[in-house]
Amino acid sequence: MVDISLLGCGGGMPVPNRFLSSTLINYMGRKILIDCGEGTQVSMKILGTGFKAIDIICITHGHGDHIVGLPGLLATIGNSGRVDPLTIIGPVGIEEIIKGLRVIVPYLPYEIKIIENPRDTITLIENISISTLELDHSAPCLGYSFYFKRKASFDLEAAIANKVPKILWNKLQKGESLIYEGNKYEPNMVLGRERRGIKFSLITDTRPIKEIIDFIKESDLLICEGTYGDDKDIEKAIKNKHMTFSEAAKLARDGRVRDLMLTHFSPAMNNPEEYIENARKIFENTVLGEDRIIKTLSFIDY
């Protein structure tokens, strides 16, 4: 199972009931943070997620509502006792941005590794691949997609037919090759069919470019910006390079995602629920994000 915690669903500036953009992925004790707007640490503290185990921080872009909370978080991670390296991924210019932010946190007990604008899918944590897409915003901006690989099913008949000792089954299923009593055993001797993993995508901030559709295709969950709920605000959306609820819903529909969660609400939109039908009439499985909402994604057999 993968737990997705929306730590902040606001855009532009924090308001009393909304912190700024941040999302936490928790998978088998490993944590990946996407963006770090104001209020990120408060939400994490309320949820009791801890700070030390964050291995990767993915930044969509360098606007303040997505990154201003980062210096304080890096300090807190250091104070939590972390000594292992931490990786930060971001768009073109992220290294310079991190350098500037670290003026107020120059000393950390762990190394920061920066990956700027990765072109290919990368795997920094076993069984989790991270893909990025350049978006259309007023600053260099990346969308992120995460794929959580699932182990192939165990094939009892194959294990018996290949005369694999039962004591080796568990390790072979985990992908280890073993030599036992002079014989070599490979994982494919006990494994059956490949099984679909879990795909999670996050898109913010951007206009709805066509490349997004393939990028998010068949995601189990898409968290997507919906800065403007009212379709009448389309001119603002175009000018500021954001999306309306209905535009986000069209991406979810065309990308054949399972569920859509809207986020990054304009501070001028006091009641996003007034506009939810603008999305649901296009894509029924739409929910509004809210601070500290948690969505659990489970592996599904097809």
Protein backbone atom coordinates (compact mmCIF):
# COMPACT_ATOMS: atom_id res chain seq x y z
CA MET A 1 0.00 0.00 0.00
CA VAL A 2 1.03 3.58 -0.71
CA ASP A 3 -0.19 6.42 1.52
CA ILE A 4 -0.52 9.84 -0.13
CA SER A 5 -0.95 12.74 2.32
CA LEU A 6 -1.94 16.12 0.91
CA LEU A 7 -0.23 18.41 3.42
CA GLY A 8 -1.31 21.69 1.85
CA CYS A 9 -3.88 22.43 -0.85
CA GLY A 10 -3.54 26.20 -1.18
CA GLY A 11 -1.95 28.25 -3.93
CA GLY A 12 -0.47 31.73 -3.91
CA MET A 13 -0.66 32.49 -0.20
CA PRO A 14 -1.69 30.57 2.91
CA VAL A 15 -5.14 31.20 4.34
CA PRO A 16 -6.50 30.08 7.74
CA ASN A 17 -7.80 26.72 6.54
CA ARG A 18 -5.19 26.00 3.85
CA PHE A 19 -1.44 25.65 3.94
CA LEU A 20 0.53 25.85 0.72
CA SER A 21 1.46 23.14 -1.74
CA SER A 22 2.99 19.98 -0.33
CA THR A 23 2.34 16.25 -0.66
CA LEU A 24 3.94 13.35 1.19
CA ILE A 25 4.33 9.81 -0.15
CA ASN A 26 4.85 7.03 2.40
CA TYR A 27 5.71 3.58 1.07
CA MET A 28 7.08 0.83 3.28
CA GLY A 29 8.61 3.38 5.63
CA ARG A 30 10.30 5.36 2.86
CA LYS A 31 9.11 8.92 2.33
CA ILE A 32 9.11 11.24 -0.67
CA LEU A 33 7.99 14.86 -0.33
CA ILE A 34 6.64 16.83 -3.28
CA ASP A 35 6.97 20.59 -2.80
CA CYS A 36 7.36 22.38 0.51
CA GLY A 37 5.17 25.44 0.84
CA GLU A 38 4.47 27.28 4.07
CA GLY A 39 2.81 25.02 6.62
CA THR A 40 4.40 21.77 5.45
CA GLN A 41 6.08 21.09 8.78
CA VAL A 42 2.92 21.91 10.74
CA SER A 43 0.85 19.41 8.74
CA MET A 44 3.55 16.77 9.12
CA LYS A 45 3.63 17.37 12.86
CA ILE A 46 -0.16 17.09 13.12
CA LEU A 47 -0.14 13.83 11.17
CA GLY A 48 2.83 12.50 13.13
CA THR A 49 4.74 11.50 10.00
CA GLY A 50 8.18 12.26 11.38
CA PHE A 51 10.92 14.05 9.45
CA LYS A 52 14.05 11.90 9.58
CA ALA A 53 12.91 9.32 7.01
CA ILE A 54 12.39 11.73 4.09
CA ASP A 55 14.77 10.40 1.42
CA ILE A 56 13.73 12.49 -1.60
CA ILE A 57 12.22 15.94 -2.04
CA CYS A 58 10.70 16.66 -5.46
CA ILE A 59 10.19 20.34 -6.25
CA THR A 60 7.81 21.24 -9.07
CA HIS A 61 9.12 24.79 -9.49
CA GLY A 62 10.73 27.69 -7.69
CA HIS A 63 7.72 29.85 -6.84
CA GLY A 64 7.48 30.69 -3.15
CA ASP A 65 4.19 28.90 -2.51
CA HIS A 66 5.92 25.64 -3.41
CA ILE A 67 9.34 26.02 -1.83
CA VAL A 68 9.51 28.68 0.91
CA GLY A 69 9.06 26.06 3.63
CA LEU A 70 12.16 24.15 2.53
CA PRO A 71 14.93 25.80 4.60
CA GLY A 72 13.09 25.20 7.87
CA LEU A 73 12.30 21.62 6.90
CA LEU A 74 15.94 20.88 6.04
CA ALA A 75 16.95 22.20 9.47
CA THR A 76 14.31 20.09 11.22
CA ILE A 77 15.45 16.99 9.33
CA GLY A 78 18.98 17.70 10.55
CA ASN A 79 17.77 18.17 14.12
CA SER A 80 15.96 14.83 13.90
CA GLY A 81 19.31 13.08 13.69
CA ARG A 82 19.54 12.33 9.98
CA VAL A 83 23.04 11.72 8.64
CA ASP A 84 22.23 9.85 5.41
CA PRO A 85 22.24 11.87 2.17
CA LEU A 86 18.99 13.46 0.99
CA THR A 87 18.19 13.98 -2.70
CA ILE A 88 16.36 17.01 -4.09
CA ILE A 89 14.93 16.82 -7.62
CA GLY A 90 13.72 19.87 -9.48
CA PRO A 91 13.48 21.78 -12.77
CA VAL A 92 16.13 23.86 -14.50
CA GLY A 93 17.55 26.32 -11.97
CA ILE A 94 16.80 24.27 -8.85
CA GLU A 95 20.45 24.06 -7.84
CA GLU A 96 20.76 27.85 -7.78
CA ILE A 97 17.49 28.16 -5.86
CA ILE A 98 18.60 25.65 -3.22
CA LYS A 99 21.91 27.47 -2.92
CA GLY A 100 20.07 30.71 -2.19
CA LEU A 101 17.69 29.16 0.32
CA ARG A 102 20.56 27.53 2.19
CA VAL A 103 22.01 30.89 3.16
CA ILE A 104 19.89 30.57 6.32
CA VAL A 105 20.70 26.86 6.82
CA PRO A 106 24.35 26.60 5.79
CA TYR A 107 25.26 23.73 8.10
CA LEU A 108 23.48 20.40 7.93
CA PRO A 109 24.65 17.03 9.31
CA TYR A 110 23.79 15.29 6.05
CA GLU A 111 24.69 15.73 2.38
CA ILE A 112 22.21 17.15 -0.13
CA LYS A 113 22.36 15.71 -3.62
CA ILE A 114 20.63 17.71 -6.35
CA ILE A 115 19.24 16.29 -9.60
CA GLU A 116 18.30 19.11 -11.94
CA ASN A 117 15.74 18.52 -14.69
CA PRO A 118 16.11 14.74 -15.08
CA ARG A 119 15.43 13.64 -18.64
CA ASP A 120 14.92 9.95 -17.97
CA THR A 121 12.99 7.89 -15.47
CA ILE A 122 15.11 7.42 -12.36
CA THR A 123 15.05 4.90 -9.51
CA LEU A 124 16.54 6.19 -6.27
CA ILE A 125 14.57 3.88 -3.97
CA GLU A 126 14.13 0.22 -4.77
CA ASN A 127 10.88 -0.52 -6.61
CA ILE A 128 9.96 3.18 -6.98
CA SER A 129 10.57 4.85 -10.34
CA ILE A 130 10.20 8.61 -10.79
CA SER A 131 9.35 10.25 -14.12
CA THR A 132 9.09 13.96 -14.88
CA LEU A 133 7.43 16.12 -17.52
CA GLU A 134 8.17 19.74 -18.38
CA LEU A 135 4.98 21.74 -17.91
CA ASP A 136 3.72 25.11 -19.18
CA HIS A 137 3.99 27.62 -16.36
CA SER A 138 5.52 31.06 -15.84
CA ALA A 139 8.69 29.43 -14.45
CA PRO A 140 10.43 26.14 -15.30
CA CYS A 141 8.11 23.53 -13.83
CA LEU A 142 7.96 19.73 -13.63
CA GLY A 143 5.10 17.29 -13.27
CA TYR A 144 5.90 14.05 -11.45
CA SER A 145 4.76 10.48 -11.88
CA PHE A 146 5.69 7.66 -9.51
CA TYR A 147 5.44 3.96 -10.25
CA PHE A 148 5.57 1.49 -7.38
CA LYS A 149 6.62 -1.84 -8.81
CA ARG A 150 4.94 -4.97 -7.50
CA LYS A 151 6.70 -8.28 -7.14
CA ALA A 152 5.71 -11.02 -9.54
CA SER A 153 3.34 -13.59 -8.11
CA PHE A 154 4.72 -16.73 -6.50
CA ASP A 155 4.23 -19.84 -8.65
CA LEU A 156 4.00 -22.89 -6.42
CA GLU A 157 3.84 -25.30 -9.34
CA ALA A 158 6.99 -23.83 -10.88
CA ALA A 159 8.84 -24.00 -7.57
CA ILE A 160 7.94 -27.66 -7.15
CA ALA A 161 8.67 -28.52 -10.79
CA ASN A 162 12.09 -26.87 -10.54
CA LYS A 163 12.77 -28.75 -7.29
CA VAL A 164 13.50 -25.57 -5.38
CA PRO A 165 13.99 -26.18 -1.64
CA LYS A 166 11.23 -24.52 0.35
CA ILE A 167 13.79 -22.73 2.51
CA LEU A 168 14.79 -20.64 -0.53
CA TRP A 169 11.34 -19.62 -1.74
CA ASN A 170 11.09 -16.32 0.14
CA LYS A 171 14.51 -15.00 -0.91
CA LEU A 172 14.04 -16.04 -4.51
CA GLN A 173 10.67 -14.29 -4.63
CA LYS A 174 12.45 -11.12 -3.47
CA GLY A 175 14.71 -11.34 -6.51
CA GLU A 176 17.84 -12.89 -5.03
CA SER A 177 19.90 -15.48 -6.92
CA LEU A 178 21.22 -18.18 -4.60
CA ILE A 179 23.61 -21.10 -4.45
CA TYR A 180 22.46 -23.86 -2.12
CA GLU A 181 24.12 -27.22 -1.62
CA GLY A 182 26.11 -26.71 -4.80
CA ASN A 183 23.13 -25.81 -6.99
CA LYS A 184 22.27 -22.37 -8.37
CA TYR A 185 18.71 -21.10 -8.07
CA GLU A 186 17.27 -18.08 -9.93
CA PRO A 187 14.14 -16.05 -9.09
CA ASN A 188 12.40 -17.10 -12.31
CA MET A 189 12.31 -20.65 -10.96
CA VAL A 190 9.60 -19.66 -8.45
CA LEU A 191 7.99 -16.59 -10.01
CA GLY A 192 4.79 -16.43 -12.03
CA ARG A 193 3.24 -13.60 -14.03
CA GLU A 194 4.18 -9.96 -13.69
CA ARG A 195 1.64 -7.91 -11.75
CA ARG A 196 0.67 -4.29 -12.24
CA GLY A 197 2.06 -1.87 -9.72
CA ILE A 198 0.66 1.46 -8.50
CA LYS A 199 0.94 4.71 -10.46
CA PHE A 200 0.56 8.12 -8.83
CA SER A 201 0.90 11.41 -10.70
CA LEU A 202 0.98 15.03 -9.57
CA ILE A 203 0.52 17.97 -11.94
CA THR A 204 0.92 21.58 -10.79
CA ASP A 205 1.33 24.44 -11.90
CA THR A 206 0.52 24.52 -15.61
CA ARG A 207 -1.82 25.00 -18.49
CA PRO A 208 -3.37 21.72 -19.75
CA ILE A 209 -0.85 20.75 -22.44
CA LYS A 210 -1.49 17.59 -24.48
CA GLU A 211 1.69 15.88 -23.26
CA ILE A 212 0.15 15.53 -19.82
CA ILE A 213 -2.39 12.98 -21.07
CA ASP A 214 0.16 10.28 -21.90
CA PHE A 215 2.23 11.17 -18.85
CA ILE A 216 -0.62 10.54 -16.39
CA LYS A 217 -2.15 7.67 -18.38
CA GLU A 218 -3.89 5.09 -16.19
CA SER A 219 -2.70 6.61 -12.92
CA ASP A 220 -4.41 5.18 -9.85
CA LEU A 221 -4.49 8.72 -8.47
CA LEU A 222 -3.91 12.08 -10.11
CA ILE A 223 -3.47 15.11 -7.89
CA CYS A 224 -3.93 18.08 -10.18
CA GLU A 225 -4.07 21.79 -9.74
CA GLY A 226 -7.46 23.45 -9.93
CA THR A 227 -6.56 27.04 -9.18
CA TYR A 228 -9.89 28.30 -10.49
CA GLY A 229 -13.20 26.53 -9.92
CA ASP A 230 -15.40 28.77 -12.06
CA ASP A 231 -15.23 28.27 -15.83
CA LYS A 232 -15.71 32.04 -16.14
CA ASP A 233 -12.17 32.46 -14.80
CA ILE A 234 -10.63 30.91 -17.90
CA GLU A 235 -8.99 34.19 -18.92
CA LYS A 236 -7.25 34.39 -15.55
CA ALA A 237 -6.18 30.77 -15.90
CA ILE A 238 -4.66 31.43 -19.31
CA LYS A 239 -2.96 34.65 -18.20
CA ASN A 240 -1.46 33.12 -15.05
CA LYS A 241 -0.77 29.70 -16.63
CA HIS A 242 -3.01 27.71 -14.34
CA MET A 243 -6.08 25.50 -14.80
CA THR A 244 -9.79 25.50 -14.01
CA PHE A 245 -11.55 22.54 -12.40
CA SER A 246 -13.05 21.51 -15.72
CA GLU A 247 -9.69 21.59 -17.50
CA ALA A 248 -8.16 19.33 -14.84
CA ALA A 249 -11.14 16.97 -15.15
CA LYS A 250 -10.68 16.70 -18.91
CA LEU A 251 -7.06 15.64 -18.39
CA ALA A 252 -8.18 12.99 -15.89
CA ARG A 253 -10.83 11.71 -18.29
CA ASP A 254 -8.54 11.63 -21.32
CA GLY A 255 -5.72 10.08 -19.30
CA ARG A 256 -8.07 7.36 -18.03
CA VAL A 257 -6.98 7.82 -14.43
CA ARG A 258 -8.81 6.06 -11.64
CA ASP A 259 -9.32 9.03 -9.28
CA LEU A 260 -8.72 12.77 -9.44
CA MET A 261 -7.98 15.00 -6.45
CA LEU A 262 -8.02 18.76 -7.05
CA THR A 263 -5.60 21.05 -5.22
CA HIS A 264 -3.78 24.42 -5.38
CA PHE A 265 -6.90 26.48 -4.81
CA SER A 266 -6.70 30.24 -5.32
CA PRO A 267 -6.89 32.19 -2.04
CA ALA A 268 -9.77 34.11 -3.63
CA MET A 269 -11.80 30.87 -3.84
CA ASN A 270 -13.25 30.53 -0.35
CA ASN A 271 -15.53 27.58 -1.06
CA PRO A 272 -14.13 25.23 -3.74
CA GLU A 273 -17.07 22.88 -3.11
CA GLU A 274 -19.32 25.38 -4.91
CA TYR A 275 -17.60 24.44 -8.16
CA ILE A 276 -16.97 20.70 -7.76
CA GLU A 277 -19.71 19.81 -10.26
CA ASN A 278 -17.75 21.63 -12.96
CA ALA A 279 -15.26 18.80 -12.64
CA ARG A 280 -17.58 15.90 -11.82
CA LYS A 281 -19.78 16.42 -14.86
CA ILE A 282 -16.65 15.66 -16.90
CA PHE A 283 -14.92 13.17 -14.61
CA GLU A 284 -17.11 11.60 -11.95
CA ASN A 285 -14.35 10.28 -9.66
CA THR A 286 -13.26 13.75 -8.56
CA VAL A 287 -12.73 14.89 -4.98
CA LEU A 288 -11.57 18.16 -3.51
CA GLY A 289 -8.24 18.12 -1.76
CA GLU A 290 -8.01 19.42 1.78
CA ASP A 291 -5.13 19.82 4.16
CA ARG A 292 -4.04 16.49 5.66
CA ILE A 293 -6.40 14.32 3.64
CA ILE A 294 -4.83 10.88 3.21
CA LYS A 295 -5.46 8.59 0.25
CA THR A 296 -4.31 4.97 0.47
CA LEU A 297 -3.55 3.24 -2.82
CA SER A 298 -3.58 -0.55 -2.85
CA PHE A 299 -2.24 -3.05 -5.35
CA ILE A 300 -5.05 -4.45 -7.47
CA ASP A 301 -5.13 -7.75 -9.34
CA TYR A 302 -6.61 -7.50 -12.82
